[in-house]
Protein backbone atom coordinates (compact mmCIF):
# COMPACT_ATOMS: atom_id res chain seq x y z
CA MET A 1 -54.07 -79.11 -33.32
CA ASN A 2 -51.58 -81.57 -33.09
CA LYS A 3 -47.95 -80.49 -32.94
CA ARG A 4 -45.04 -82.58 -33.55
CA TRP A 5 -42.11 -82.63 -31.17
CA ASN A 6 -38.06 -82.36 -32.71
CA ILE A 7 -35.61 -83.35 -29.80
CA LEU A 8 -32.35 -81.44 -31.29
CA GLU A 9 -29.44 -83.80 -31.18
CA VAL A 10 -25.94 -83.25 -30.24
CA GLU A 11 -21.92 -84.26 -30.42
CA GLU A 12 -22.20 -85.18 -26.59
CA SER A 13 -18.28 -85.31 -26.43
CA LYS A 14 -18.05 -81.55 -27.34
CA VAL A 15 -21.06 -80.99 -24.82
CA ILE A 16 -18.16 -82.83 -22.26
CA ASP A 17 -15.55 -80.17 -23.53
CA LEU A 18 -17.20 -77.30 -23.11
CA HIS A 19 -18.69 -78.24 -19.82
CA ASN A 20 -15.17 -79.07 -18.55
CA THR A 21 -14.46 -75.61 -19.66
CA LEU A 22 -17.13 -73.59 -18.22
CA LYS A 23 -18.08 -75.40 -15.33
CA ILE A 24 -21.95 -74.77 -16.09
CA ASN A 25 -24.73 -77.00 -16.26
CA PRO A 26 -24.17 -79.48 -19.08
CA ILE A 27 -28.04 -78.65 -20.54
CA LEU A 28 -26.58 -75.26 -21.02
CA CYS A 29 -23.77 -76.51 -22.14
CA LYS A 30 -25.80 -78.35 -24.68
CA ILE A 31 -27.71 -75.77 -25.98
CA LEU A 32 -24.11 -73.24 -26.19
CA VAL A 33 -23.07 -76.55 -28.43
CA GLN A 34 -25.91 -76.45 -30.55
CA ARG A 35 -25.54 -72.20 -31.07
CA GLY A 36 -22.10 -73.30 -32.45
CA ILE A 37 -20.30 -72.37 -28.65
CA GLU A 38 -17.71 -74.76 -28.65
CA SER A 39 -14.63 -73.34 -26.97
CA PHE A 40 -14.11 -70.50 -24.49
CA ALA A 41 -13.21 -67.83 -26.76
CA ASP A 42 -16.64 -68.66 -28.60
CA SER A 43 -19.00 -68.24 -25.35
CA LYS A 44 -16.81 -65.05 -24.53
CA SER A 45 -17.42 -63.26 -27.33
CA TYR A 46 -21.65 -64.89 -27.24
CA PHE A 47 -21.91 -63.68 -23.35
CA ARG A 48 -20.06 -60.66 -23.44
CA PRO A 49 -20.31 -59.52 -27.03
CA GLN A 50 -17.99 -55.91 -27.63
CA LEU A 51 -18.40 -53.45 -30.23
CA ASP A 52 -14.93 -53.39 -31.57
CA GLN A 53 -15.80 -56.66 -32.64
CA LEU A 54 -18.01 -55.16 -35.26
CA HIS A 55 -15.96 -55.92 -38.85
CA SER A 56 -14.91 -52.68 -40.80
CA PRO A 57 -17.24 -51.70 -43.14
CA TRP A 58 -14.29 -50.99 -45.59
CA LEU A 59 -14.73 -54.73 -45.92
CA MET A 60 -17.69 -54.03 -48.04
CA LYS A 61 -17.73 -53.68 -51.48
CA ASP A 62 -18.18 -50.94 -53.22
CA MET A 63 -18.00 -48.60 -50.09
CA ASP A 64 -15.36 -46.65 -50.94
CA LYS A 65 -17.12 -45.91 -53.85
CA ALA A 66 -19.94 -44.66 -51.48
CA VAL A 67 -17.57 -42.76 -49.25
CA LYS A 68 -15.82 -40.59 -51.98
CA ARG A 69 -19.59 -39.94 -53.65
CA VAL A 70 -20.67 -38.77 -50.27
CA GLU A 71 -17.90 -36.51 -50.10
CA GLU A 72 -18.02 -34.86 -53.02
CA ALA A 73 -21.69 -33.93 -52.19
CA LEU A 74 -20.81 -32.52 -48.94
CA GLN A 75 -18.03 -30.49 -50.76
CA SER A 76 -20.12 -29.62 -53.88
CA ASN A 77 -23.17 -29.13 -51.63
CA GLU A 78 -25.18 -31.16 -53.90
CA LYS A 79 -28.85 -32.05 -52.43
CA ILE A 80 -29.01 -35.46 -50.95
CA LEU A 81 -32.30 -37.54 -50.78
CA VAL A 82 -32.16 -40.51 -48.69
CA TYR A 83 -34.53 -42.84 -49.97
CA GLY A 84 -36.30 -45.95 -48.59
CA ASP A 85 -38.77 -49.00 -47.95
CA TYR A 86 -41.99 -48.22 -45.83
CA ASP A 87 -41.37 -50.66 -43.15
CA VAL A 88 -39.69 -50.99 -40.04
CA ASP A 89 -36.11 -51.36 -41.99
CA GLY A 90 -36.37 -49.14 -44.65
CA THR A 91 -38.15 -46.54 -42.04
CA THR A 92 -35.33 -46.71 -39.55
CA ALA A 93 -32.35 -47.17 -41.94
CA VAL A 94 -33.49 -43.81 -43.14
CA ALA A 95 -34.43 -41.63 -39.88
CA SER A 96 -30.63 -42.96 -39.01
CA MET A 97 -28.79 -41.58 -42.56
CA TYR A 98 -31.00 -38.52 -42.66
CA THR A 99 -30.48 -37.52 -39.20
CA PHE A 100 -26.44 -37.94 -39.75
CA ILE A 101 -26.02 -36.49 -43.07
CA ASN A 102 -28.66 -33.39 -41.49
CA SER A 103 -26.12 -33.10 -38.85
CA ILE A 104 -23.32 -32.27 -41.09
CA HIS A 105 -25.11 -31.05 -44.66
CA ASN A 106 -27.81 -28.95 -44.48
CA ASN A 107 -29.03 -29.97 -48.25
CA VAL A 108 -30.91 -33.72 -47.17
CA ASP A 109 -34.15 -34.72 -47.53
CA PHE A 110 -35.79 -37.94 -47.41
CA TYR A 111 -38.32 -39.81 -49.34
CA ILE A 112 -40.53 -42.70 -48.85
CA PRO A 113 -42.60 -44.35 -51.63
CA HIS A 114 -46.51 -44.85 -50.75
CA ARG A 115 -47.16 -48.51 -49.97
CA TYR A 116 -50.29 -48.57 -52.64
CA ARG A 117 -49.36 -45.43 -55.18
CA GLU A 118 -45.98 -46.55 -55.69
CA GLY A 119 -45.44 -50.14 -54.33
CA TYR A 120 -42.29 -51.42 -52.77
CA GLY A 121 -38.86 -50.30 -53.19
CA ILE A 122 -36.78 -47.56 -55.84
CA SER A 123 -40.45 -45.94 -57.94
CA LYS A 124 -40.23 -43.68 -61.50
CA ALA A 125 -42.07 -41.48 -59.00
CA GLY A 126 -39.25 -41.09 -56.45
CA VAL A 127 -36.63 -40.67 -59.15
CA ASP A 128 -38.70 -37.77 -60.70
CA PHE A 129 -39.65 -36.65 -57.30
CA ALA A 130 -35.11 -36.72 -56.94
CA LYS A 131 -35.11 -34.82 -60.39
CA GLU A 132 -37.99 -31.95 -60.15
CA ASN A 133 -36.02 -30.91 -56.85
CA ARG A 134 -32.75 -31.23 -58.16
CA PHE A 135 -31.20 -34.04 -56.04
CA THR A 136 -27.97 -35.19 -57.47
CA LEU A 137 -28.03 -37.92 -55.01
CA VAL A 138 -29.64 -40.44 -53.71
CA ILE A 139 -28.75 -42.67 -50.97
CA ALA A 140 -31.42 -45.87 -51.39
CA LEU A 141 -32.03 -48.47 -48.01
CA ASP A 142 -33.37 -51.45 -47.93
CA CYS A 143 -34.14 -51.59 -51.60
CA GLY A 144 -32.18 -51.19 -54.72
CA ILE A 145 -30.76 -54.68 -55.67
CA LYS A 146 -33.00 -54.86 -58.23
CA SER A 147 -34.18 -51.88 -59.52
CA VAL A 148 -32.33 -52.06 -63.20
CA ASP A 149 -33.96 -50.40 -65.04
CA LEU A 150 -35.14 -47.14 -62.80
CA ILE A 151 -31.49 -46.86 -61.95
CA ASP A 152 -30.96 -46.46 -65.82
CA TYR A 153 -33.25 -44.18 -65.79
CA ALA A 154 -32.02 -42.69 -62.81
CA ASN A 155 -28.43 -42.50 -64.76
CA ARG A 156 -29.92 -40.90 -67.92
CA LEU A 157 -31.32 -38.17 -66.07
CA GLY A 158 -28.18 -37.37 -64.02
CA ILE A 159 -28.66 -38.29 -60.63
CA ASP A 160 -26.18 -40.83 -58.44
CA PHE A 161 -27.64 -43.81 -56.67
CA ILE A 162 -25.74 -45.71 -53.80
CA ILE A 163 -27.41 -48.75 -52.76
CA CYS A 164 -27.77 -50.21 -49.26
CA ASP A 165 -29.39 -53.38 -49.51
CA HIS A 166 -29.52 -56.49 -47.54
CA HIS A 167 -31.80 -58.84 -50.32
CA LEU A 168 -30.37 -61.21 -52.84
CA PRO A 169 -29.53 -60.14 -55.58
CA GLU A 170 -30.49 -60.92 -59.12
CA LYS A 171 -27.65 -61.82 -62.03
CA GLU A 172 -27.48 -57.95 -63.25
CA ILE A 173 -26.65 -55.72 -60.47
CA PRO A 174 -28.30 -52.05 -60.74
CA LYS A 175 -25.31 -49.78 -62.55
CA ALA A 176 -25.21 -47.41 -59.65
CA ILE A 177 -22.62 -45.20 -57.92
CA ALA A 178 -21.75 -47.82 -55.47
CA VAL A 179 -23.99 -51.13 -54.66
CA LEU A 180 -23.93 -51.77 -50.67
CA ASN A 181 -25.02 -55.37 -50.30
CA PRO A 182 -22.77 -58.42 -48.60
CA LYS A 183 -25.07 -60.93 -50.45
CA GLN A 184 -23.49 -59.98 -53.19
CA THR A 185 -20.86 -63.26 -54.63
CA ASP A 186 -18.29 -60.91 -55.06
CA CYS A 187 -18.73 -59.32 -51.81
CA ASN A 188 -16.00 -60.17 -49.53
CA TYR A 189 -17.61 -58.73 -46.14
CA PRO A 190 -17.50 -61.30 -43.45
CA TYR A 191 -21.35 -61.26 -42.35
CA LYS A 192 -24.20 -61.70 -44.61
CA GLU A 193 -27.05 -61.57 -42.40
CA LEU A 194 -27.32 -57.66 -41.80
CA CYS A 195 -30.82 -56.09 -42.30
CA GLY A 196 -31.52 -52.98 -44.45
CA CYS A 197 -30.78 -50.86 -41.56
CA GLY A 198 -27.27 -52.23 -40.51
CA VAL A 199 -25.83 -51.95 -43.97
CA GLY A 200 -26.95 -48.17 -43.66
CA PHE A 201 -25.33 -48.30 -40.29
CA LYS A 202 -21.83 -49.31 -41.77
CA LEU A 203 -22.18 -46.52 -44.49
CA ILE A 204 -22.39 -43.83 -41.54
CA SER A 205 -19.59 -46.31 -39.52
CA ALA A 206 -17.32 -45.69 -42.77
CA LEU A 207 -18.44 -41.96 -42.98
CA CYS A 208 -17.50 -41.16 -39.70
CA GLU A 209 -14.47 -42.85 -40.00
CA LYS A 210 -13.21 -41.12 -43.12
CA LEU A 211 -14.58 -37.54 -41.92
CA LYS A 212 -13.04 -38.20 -38.42
CA ILE A 213 -16.32 -37.95 -36.62
CA HIS A 214 -16.08 -39.96 -33.24
CA HIS A 215 -17.77 -43.02 -33.54
CA GLU A 216 -20.39 -42.46 -31.04
CA ARG A 217 -21.87 -40.71 -33.78
CA ALA A 218 -22.98 -43.70 -35.38
CA PHE A 219 -23.63 -45.53 -32.15
CA GLN A 220 -26.46 -43.15 -31.16
CA PHE A 221 -28.63 -45.06 -34.09
CA LEU A 222 -27.77 -48.55 -32.20
CA ASP A 223 -31.50 -48.90 -31.00
CA LEU A 224 -33.08 -48.17 -34.81
CA VAL A 225 -30.38 -50.80 -35.66
CA ALA A 226 -31.73 -52.98 -32.96
CA THR A 227 -35.09 -52.40 -34.10
CA ALA A 228 -34.59 -53.02 -37.82
CA ILE A 229 -33.37 -56.46 -36.99
CA ALA A 230 -36.04 -57.21 -34.51
CA ALA A 231 -38.57 -56.59 -36.90
CA ASP A 232 -37.09 -58.39 -40.33
CA ILE A 233 -36.74 -61.44 -38.73
CA VAL A 234 -33.03 -61.47 -39.68
CA PRO A 235 -30.46 -63.94 -37.80
CA ILE A 236 -29.22 -62.67 -34.46
CA THR A 237 -26.16 -64.22 -34.63
CA GLY A 238 -22.51 -62.76 -35.40
CA GLU A 239 -22.31 -58.87 -35.98
CA ASN A 240 -26.43 -58.92 -35.63
CA ARG A 241 -25.83 -60.10 -31.88
CA ILE A 242 -23.81 -57.04 -30.79
CA LEU A 243 -25.75 -54.55 -32.88
CA ALA A 244 -28.48 -56.19 -30.86
CA PHE A 245 -26.78 -56.28 -27.55
CA TYR A 246 -25.91 -52.80 -27.56
CA GLY A 247 -29.16 -51.35 -28.97
CA LEU A 248 -31.26 -52.71 -26.45
CA LYS A 249 -29.00 -51.28 -24.18
CA LYS A 250 -28.82 -48.02 -25.84
CA ALA A 251 -33.25 -48.76 -25.84
CA ASN A 252 -32.98 -48.98 -22.01
CA GLU A 253 -31.19 -46.16 -21.01
CA ASP A 254 -31.20 -43.44 -23.83
CA PRO A 255 -33.88 -44.62 -26.40
CA ASN A 256 -34.21 -42.41 -29.80
CA LEU A 257 -37.20 -40.18 -28.97
CA GLY A 258 -39.80 -42.16 -31.35
CA ILE A 259 -39.15 -45.52 -29.56
CA LYS A 260 -38.86 -43.58 -25.91
CA ALA A 261 -43.11 -41.98 -27.23
CA LEU A 262 -43.78 -45.79 -28.32
CA ILE A 263 -42.98 -47.37 -25.07
CA THR A 264 -45.14 -44.78 -23.18
CA LEU A 265 -47.95 -45.26 -25.70
CA SER A 266 -47.88 -48.91 -25.16
CA GLY A 267 -47.22 -49.12 -21.73
CA LEU A 268 -44.73 -50.97 -21.86
CA LYS A 269 -42.15 -52.09 -18.73
CA LEU A 270 -38.55 -51.70 -18.94
CA PRO A 271 -35.85 -53.50 -19.87
CA LEU A 272 -36.88 -53.91 -23.33
CA GLN A 273 -36.31 -57.24 -25.37
CA ILE A 274 -36.45 -58.18 -28.47
CA SER A 275 -39.72 -59.41 -28.18
CA ASN A 276 -41.29 -56.04 -27.25
CA LEU A 277 -39.84 -54.37 -30.41
CA VAL A 278 -40.98 -57.62 -32.75
CA PHE A 279 -45.15 -57.34 -30.96
CA MET A 280 -44.85 -53.83 -29.35
CA ILE A 281 -42.83 -51.44 -31.05
CA ALA A 282 -42.79 -53.18 -34.86
CA PRO A 283 -46.38 -53.17 -35.09
CA ARG A 284 -46.79 -49.74 -34.77
CA VAL A 285 -44.27 -48.56 -37.16
CA ASN A 286 -45.40 -50.99 -39.79
CA ALA A 287 -49.05 -49.77 -39.18
CA ALA A 288 -47.96 -46.33 -40.95
CA GLY A 289 -47.29 -47.85 -44.37
CA ARG A 290 -50.13 -50.36 -44.12
CA MET A 291 -53.07 -47.98 -43.09
CA ASP A 292 -51.26 -44.74 -44.57
CA ASP A 293 -47.59 -43.34 -45.16
CA ALA A 294 -44.79 -44.28 -43.91
CA ARG A 295 -43.11 -40.74 -43.81
CA LYS A 296 -44.61 -40.25 -40.27
CA ALA A 297 -42.66 -42.90 -39.12
CA VAL A 298 -39.60 -41.18 -40.26
CA GLN A 299 -40.63 -38.20 -38.70
CA MET A 300 -41.19 -39.71 -35.31
CA PHE A 301 -37.90 -41.21 -35.50
CA ILE A 302 -36.26 -37.86 -36.38
CA ALA A 303 -38.06 -35.83 -33.82
CA GLU A 304 -35.84 -33.10 -32.35
CA ASN A 305 -38.62 -32.82 -28.87
CA GLN A 306 -40.38 -35.18 -27.16
CA GLU A 307 -43.67 -33.14 -27.55
CA GLU A 308 -43.18 -33.73 -31.52
CA ALA A 309 -41.80 -37.65 -31.29
CA LEU A 310 -45.44 -38.17 -29.04
CA GLU A 311 -47.54 -36.34 -31.90
CA TYR A 312 -45.86 -38.62 -34.51
CA ALA A 313 -46.04 -41.66 -32.31
CA GLU A 314 -50.15 -41.03 -31.44
CA MET A 315 -50.69 -41.28 -34.72
CA LEU A 316 -48.86 -44.63 -35.25
CA HIS A 317 -50.62 -45.95 -32.78
CA SER A 318 -54.02 -44.89 -34.34
CA ASP A 319 -52.98 -46.58 -37.23
CA ASN A 320 -52.00 -49.81 -35.08
CA THR A 321 -55.59 -49.87 -34.29
CA ASP A 322 -57.20 -49.41 -37.24
CA ARG A 323 -55.07 -52.30 -38.42
CA LYS A 324 -55.43 -54.45 -36.11
CA GLU A 325 -59.43 -54.12 -36.43
CA ALA A 326 -58.91 -54.76 -40.25
CA ASP A 327 -56.62 -57.78 -40.04
CA SER A 328 -59.13 -59.57 -37.29
CA SER A 329 -62.16 -58.77 -39.53
CA ILE A 330 -60.06 -60.13 -42.46
CA THR A 331 -59.10 -63.06 -41.19
CA GLU A 332 -62.76 -63.89 -39.61
CA GLU A 333 -64.19 -63.40 -43.01
CA ALA A 334 -61.27 -65.56 -44.46
CA LEU A 335 -61.45 -68.58 -42.24
CA ALA A 336 -65.02 -68.40 -43.00
CA ILE A 337 -64.87 -68.61 -46.67
CA ILE A 338 -62.88 -71.38 -46.04
CA GLN A 339 -64.98 -73.44 -44.27
CA ALA A 340 -68.43 -73.11 -46.36
CA ASN A 341 -65.95 -74.99 -49.06
CA LYS A 342 -66.29 -78.10 -48.59
CA GLU A 343 -64.20 -78.80 -51.96
CA TRP A 344 -61.19 -77.55 -50.18
CA VAL A 345 -60.42 -79.67 -47.57
CA GLY A 346 -57.54 -81.94 -47.12
CA ARG A 347 -55.87 -79.18 -49.95
CA LYS A 348 -52.27 -78.87 -49.14
CA SER A 349 -52.08 -74.87 -49.93
CA THR A 350 -55.01 -71.77 -49.13
CA VAL A 351 -55.86 -69.23 -51.69
CA VAL A 352 -58.51 -66.90 -50.84
CA TYR A 353 -59.69 -63.38 -52.62
CA GLN A 354 -61.86 -60.68 -51.64
CA SER A 355 -62.07 -57.55 -53.49
CA HIS A 356 -62.56 -55.43 -50.37
CA TRP A 357 -59.95 -56.60 -48.57
CA HIS A 358 -57.21 -54.24 -47.19
CA LYS A 359 -54.59 -54.66 -49.32
CA GLY A 360 -52.07 -53.34 -46.35
CA VAL A 361 -53.00 -56.61 -43.84
CA VAL A 362 -53.15 -59.24 -45.82
CA GLY A 363 -49.32 -60.64 -44.97
CA ILE A 364 -50.52 -60.75 -41.29
CA VAL A 365 -53.80 -62.11 -42.30
CA ALA A 366 -52.04 -65.24 -44.48
CA SER A 367 -49.91 -65.51 -40.97
CA ARG A 368 -53.28 -65.75 -39.50
CA ILE A 369 -54.88 -68.16 -41.15
CA ILE A 370 -51.90 -70.67 -40.97
CA GLU A 371 -52.85 -70.39 -37.34
CA THR A 372 -55.90 -72.72 -37.60
CA HIS A 373 -55.44 -74.00 -41.53
CA TYR A 374 -51.49 -74.80 -41.13
CA ARG A 375 -50.23 -75.29 -44.68
CA PRO A 376 -48.59 -72.30 -47.67
CA THR A 377 -51.32 -69.62 -47.47
CA VAL A 378 -52.38 -66.87 -50.44
CA VAL A 379 -54.04 -63.61 -49.36
CA LEU A 380 -55.42 -61.57 -52.34
CA THR A 381 -57.35 -58.53 -52.76
CA GLU A 382 -57.93 -55.73 -55.39
CA SER A 383 -55.28 -53.58 -56.52
CA GLY A 384 -56.42 -51.33 -58.96
CA GLU A 385 -57.82 -53.58 -61.94
CA TYR A 386 -55.55 -56.58 -60.76
CA ALA A 387 -55.19 -58.89 -57.87
CA SER A 388 -52.74 -58.83 -55.70
CA GLY A 389 -51.21 -59.87 -52.17
CA SER A 390 -49.15 -62.16 -50.32
CA ALA A 391 -48.06 -65.34 -49.34
CA ARG A 392 -46.32 -66.75 -46.31
CA SER A 393 -45.68 -70.40 -46.03
CA VAL A 394 -44.90 -73.17 -43.71
CA PRO A 395 -41.45 -73.74 -41.61
CA GLY A 396 -38.90 -75.96 -44.14
CA PHE A 397 -41.21 -75.15 -47.18
CA ASN A 398 -39.86 -73.18 -50.31
CA LEU A 399 -43.02 -70.31 -51.01
CA TYR A 400 -41.05 -68.28 -53.35
CA GLU A 401 -40.15 -71.53 -55.70
CA ALA A 402 -44.07 -72.63 -55.48
CA ILE A 403 -45.19 -69.28 -56.77
CA HIS A 404 -42.07 -69.23 -59.04
CA ALA A 405 -43.63 -72.32 -60.51
CA CYS A 406 -46.73 -70.88 -61.76
CA ARG A 407 -45.71 -67.44 -62.90
CA GLU A 408 -47.18 -68.34 -66.17
CA TYR A 409 -50.33 -66.82 -64.30
CA LEU A 410 -48.86 -64.14 -62.82
CA LEU A 411 -48.03 -60.34 -63.88
CA GLY A 412 -45.21 -59.94 -61.03
CA TYR A 413 -43.67 -61.38 -58.01
CA GLY A 414 -40.86 -61.41 -55.78
CA GLY A 415 -39.66 -62.82 -52.20
CA HIS A 416 -37.93 -65.54 -51.02
CA PHE A 417 -37.70 -69.10 -48.54
CA ALA A 418 -40.97 -67.76 -45.86
CA ALA A 419 -43.17 -64.90 -47.31
CA ALA A 420 -43.49 -63.49 -50.75
CA GLY A 421 -45.94 -61.02 -53.10
CA LEU A 422 -47.15 -61.42 -56.16
CA THR A 423 -50.02 -59.59 -58.27
CA LEU A 424 -52.21 -61.23 -61.15
CA GLU A 425 -54.78 -60.81 -63.39
CA LYS A 426 -58.10 -61.05 -61.68
CA HIS A 427 -59.77 -63.95 -63.88
CA HIS A 428 -56.45 -66.34 -63.53
CA ILE A 429 -57.11 -66.80 -59.85
CA GLU A 430 -58.52 -69.73 -59.83
CA ALA A 431 -56.34 -71.19 -62.46
CA PHE A 432 -53.28 -70.06 -60.27
CA ARG A 433 -55.41 -71.36 -56.93
CA GLU A 434 -55.42 -75.23 -58.85
CA LYS A 435 -51.54 -74.94 -60.23
CA PHE A 436 -50.16 -73.36 -56.56
CA GLU A 437 -52.20 -76.91 -54.79
CA GLN A 438 -50.64 -78.87 -57.49
CA VAL A 439 -47.18 -77.44 -56.67
CA VAL A 440 -47.35 -77.37 -53.02
CA SER A 441 -48.95 -81.26 -52.81
CA ALA A 442 -46.40 -82.57 -55.36
CA THR A 443 -43.39 -80.68 -53.36
CA ILE A 444 -44.17 -80.51 -49.66
CA LYS A 445 -43.69 -82.92 -47.17
CA GLU A 446 -46.47 -84.39 -44.62
CA GLU A 447 -44.56 -83.65 -42.09
CA GLN A 448 -44.02 -80.03 -42.94
CA LEU A 449 -48.00 -79.75 -42.58
CA ILE A 450 -47.92 -80.82 -38.81
CA PRO A 451 -46.34 -77.39 -36.90
CA GLU A 452 -42.98 -78.46 -34.95
CA ILE A 453 -41.94 -77.36 -31.83
CA ILE A 454 -37.60 -77.39 -31.99
CA ILE A 455 -36.51 -78.97 -28.26
CA ASP A 456 -33.41 -77.75 -27.05
CA SER A 457 -33.35 -80.33 -24.71
CA GLU A 458 -34.59 -82.59 -21.83
CA ILE A 459 -34.50 -81.11 -18.13
CA ASN A 460 -35.83 -82.34 -14.70
CA LEU A 461 -38.22 -79.85 -13.00
CA GLU A 462 -35.39 -79.94 -9.73
CA GLN A 463 -33.08 -78.09 -12.32
CA ILE A 464 -34.83 -75.23 -12.97
CA THR A 465 -33.14 -72.67 -10.61
CA ARG A 466 -32.59 -68.97 -10.03
CA PRO A 467 -28.74 -69.45 -10.73
CA PHE A 468 -29.69 -71.61 -13.89
CA PHE A 469 -32.44 -69.07 -14.90
CA ASN A 470 -29.71 -66.14 -14.65
CA ILE A 471 -27.22 -67.82 -17.38
CA LEU A 472 -30.47 -68.34 -19.33
CA LYS A 473 -30.83 -64.87 -19.59
CA GLN A 474 -27.35 -63.91 -20.53
CA MET A 475 -28.02 -65.83 -23.89
CA GLU A 476 -30.08 -63.01 -24.49
CA PRO A 477 -30.73 -61.04 -27.14
CA PHE A 478 -33.05 -64.21 -28.56
CA GLY A 479 -34.40 -64.77 -32.28
CA PRO A 480 -33.72 -66.37 -35.10
CA GLU A 481 -31.17 -68.82 -35.17
CA ASN A 482 -30.32 -67.92 -31.36
CA MET A 483 -33.91 -68.82 -29.96
CA ARG A 484 -35.05 -68.66 -26.17
CA PRO A 485 -34.51 -72.19 -25.22
CA THR A 486 -37.52 -74.71 -25.29
CA PHE A 487 -37.55 -77.71 -22.69
CA LEU A 488 -39.22 -81.15 -22.53
CA ALA A 489 -39.75 -82.08 -19.20
CA ARG A 490 -41.59 -86.26 -18.74
CA ASN A 491 -43.97 -87.50 -16.73
CA VAL A 492 -44.99 -84.63 -14.55
CA VAL A 493 -48.29 -84.85 -12.92
CA ASP A 494 -50.59 -82.40 -11.62
CA THR A 495 -51.20 -81.76 -7.59
CA GLY A 496 -54.49 -81.31 -7.60
CA PHE A 497 -54.35 -77.77 -8.09
CA SER A 498 -53.70 -76.74 -11.75
CA LYS A 499 -57.24 -75.44 -13.33
CA ILE A 500 -58.44 -73.57 -16.28
CA VAL A 501 -58.64 -70.03 -16.61
CA LYS A 502 -60.28 -67.42 -18.65
CA GLU A 503 -61.78 -70.38 -20.14
CA ASP A 504 -59.12 -71.02 -22.86
CA HIS A 505 -55.50 -71.07 -20.61
CA ILE A 506 -54.43 -73.51 -18.34
CA ARG A 507 -52.89 -72.31 -15.08
CA PHE A 508 -50.53 -75.55 -14.41
CA VAL A 509 -49.41 -76.35 -10.40
CA ILE A 510 -47.25 -79.84 -11.50
CA GLN A 511 -44.81 -81.56 -9.48
CA GLN A 512 -42.10 -84.06 -10.81
CA GLN A 513 -40.65 -86.28 -7.90
CA GLU A 514 -39.83 -83.81 -5.09
CA ALA A 515 -39.59 -80.46 -7.01
CA THR A 516 -43.25 -78.47 -7.67
CA VAL A 517 -43.21 -75.62 -10.06
CA ILE A 518 -46.08 -73.21 -11.67
CA GLY A 519 -46.83 -71.96 -15.30
CA ILE A 520 -48.86 -70.85 -17.56
CA GLY A 521 -50.47 -72.38 -21.05
CA PHE A 522 -52.17 -70.22 -23.27
CA ASN A 523 -54.67 -71.88 -25.80
CA LEU A 524 -54.58 -75.17 -23.97
CA ALA A 525 -57.35 -75.84 -22.42
CA ASP A 526 -58.84 -78.16 -25.16
CA LYS A 527 -56.21 -80.54 -23.38
CA PHE A 528 -57.37 -80.24 -19.81
CA SER A 529 -58.44 -83.75 -19.40
CA ILE A 530 -54.83 -85.04 -19.70
CA VAL A 531 -53.79 -82.86 -16.94
CA GLU A 532 -57.05 -83.77 -14.49
CA SER A 533 -56.36 -87.74 -15.16
CA ARG A 534 -53.89 -86.89 -12.60
CA LYS A 535 -52.06 -89.61 -14.80
CA PRO A 536 -48.13 -88.39 -15.93
CA PHE A 537 -47.71 -86.42 -18.54
CA ASP A 538 -45.26 -84.87 -21.21
CA ILE A 539 -44.98 -81.15 -20.43
CA VAL A 540 -42.46 -78.77 -23.57
CA PHE A 541 -41.86 -75.28 -21.84
CA LYS A 542 -39.71 -72.25 -21.62
CA ILE A 543 -38.62 -70.73 -18.42
CA ASP A 544 -39.71 -67.36 -17.67
CA GLU A 545 -40.31 -64.72 -14.82
CA ASN A 546 -43.07 -63.72 -13.61
CA GLU A 547 -43.53 -60.69 -11.15
CA TRP A 548 -46.32 -60.15 -8.74
CA ASN A 549 -46.44 -57.19 -6.36
CA GLY A 550 -42.57 -56.43 -6.54
CA ASN A 551 -42.14 -60.58 -6.26
CA LYS A 552 -39.98 -62.37 -9.01
CA SER A 553 -40.25 -65.87 -9.62
CA LEU A 554 -39.95 -68.59 -12.12
CA GLN A 555 -42.87 -69.97 -14.30
CA LEU A 556 -42.92 -72.49 -17.02
CA LYS A 557 -44.39 -71.10 -20.09
CA VAL A 558 -46.39 -74.35 -21.84
CA GLU A 559 -46.25 -75.16 -25.42
CA ASP A 560 -47.94 -78.09 -25.39
CA ILE A 561 -48.98 -80.96 -23.32
CA ARG A 562 -49.27 -84.81 -23.74
CA GLU A 563 -49.58 -87.79 -22.20
CA ALA A 564 -46.62 -89.46 -21.23
CA GLU A 565 -45.23 -92.31 -23.42
């Protein structure tokens, strides 16, 4: 699949000013300016984040109400229920809050709704559970901001809710005792991009302050917060950067027993990076809710000894194996369906449905399909008497708005710019498919149908040195809005030693003037003719570190190549 290369521009004067201040390679200064780092003070905060830079939790709307209500519950020995979503953000948030409250209060339990029986967010079954078991206070994490009717129902039953959420609110806010969500229009909290676990962490921090508990008690949950930040794909900027930085530090030095167990089972080598949390830890946690019951993810995180944590981690590991098998076979089947429907060729959207597909993996399958057919994609399966599924977008296209425009065929939908979920009657699938195609075709730009590689800067191979890489390393943790830098080198040539490895990949040994470097390009074998022509070509890559037999060396992780212009 051909990709478009987009080289980021930046004001040269700002780069010069920052270079004069920091005295580091101008290329690094250019990358920093692109990320909003323009002064010595900015650079200090960026490279040396400090926990005392975290904002006061009391700046968040309703924090005083939330803390007061928890205090009352503690003093009256009320039963407290910690309630959260079944994904990584929700389960880490529940584990953190449950562990904290359990350390100061012996009348607490947790509740995770079942993905298929109850669906996302606060459920009637969950509220009824609270009533039947005489819980009078529920702390909802990573959900609740849109549960207006269910909060009204809980209020009528005499159950108070504190909502800790980060999803975009609707016009009507639930009438809970307190609603903690920095995205509320009338909330003055300075940082708006916390994940659900992050909002829960702020409540724990405020409770520590009010109850005169040392702040280290809150900091023990930072590895769980970092895991949630990584998994929920929130920006790693501002406060999230601080939380992720120290969360990774804790995960590497003194991890939660559940994280430690998953590190052991997945064979990860320390030090962990955000990418390890995203690709190794998060899928195993998510697999519990996708394939079975997410409660065991919480039980793993709150385990009191390593043996117990490993027991639950093994269950998650097994669920993840099942998940991988399911999404692999469903992806294969879905691609075959697309291939067989010749009338779909040239479409700008994809909508596929099979009644037997596993509901827990349709979102993953949608992402997999986009790797081959690069366009907004909806994957549907049977859910009781209805069809339901997940949708994924391509960068820059507002998927939620496109689905909203098809609402006449939908029973329910929700989501955001890049991902969404939806439910409809089965006999409306074809009509929805056609309407969705009409909407996408009318609103998507042609360039959005071609994968884009964002390039931070051009570079000469001779500039790729160990000191240069060491500063790049200090830009971690990488993630949304602070991605690992991508570089372009022009007019490189093969030394004659580049070759195809394992059929699909290229092992590069390339030269530019006097500098020779090695690299690996995954799934680029179809472009090997460009390399072996011995003509100059351009190369897009990230700089990586390769370790072999205890020796570390720099290498390029090549993302694309094309003939030199």
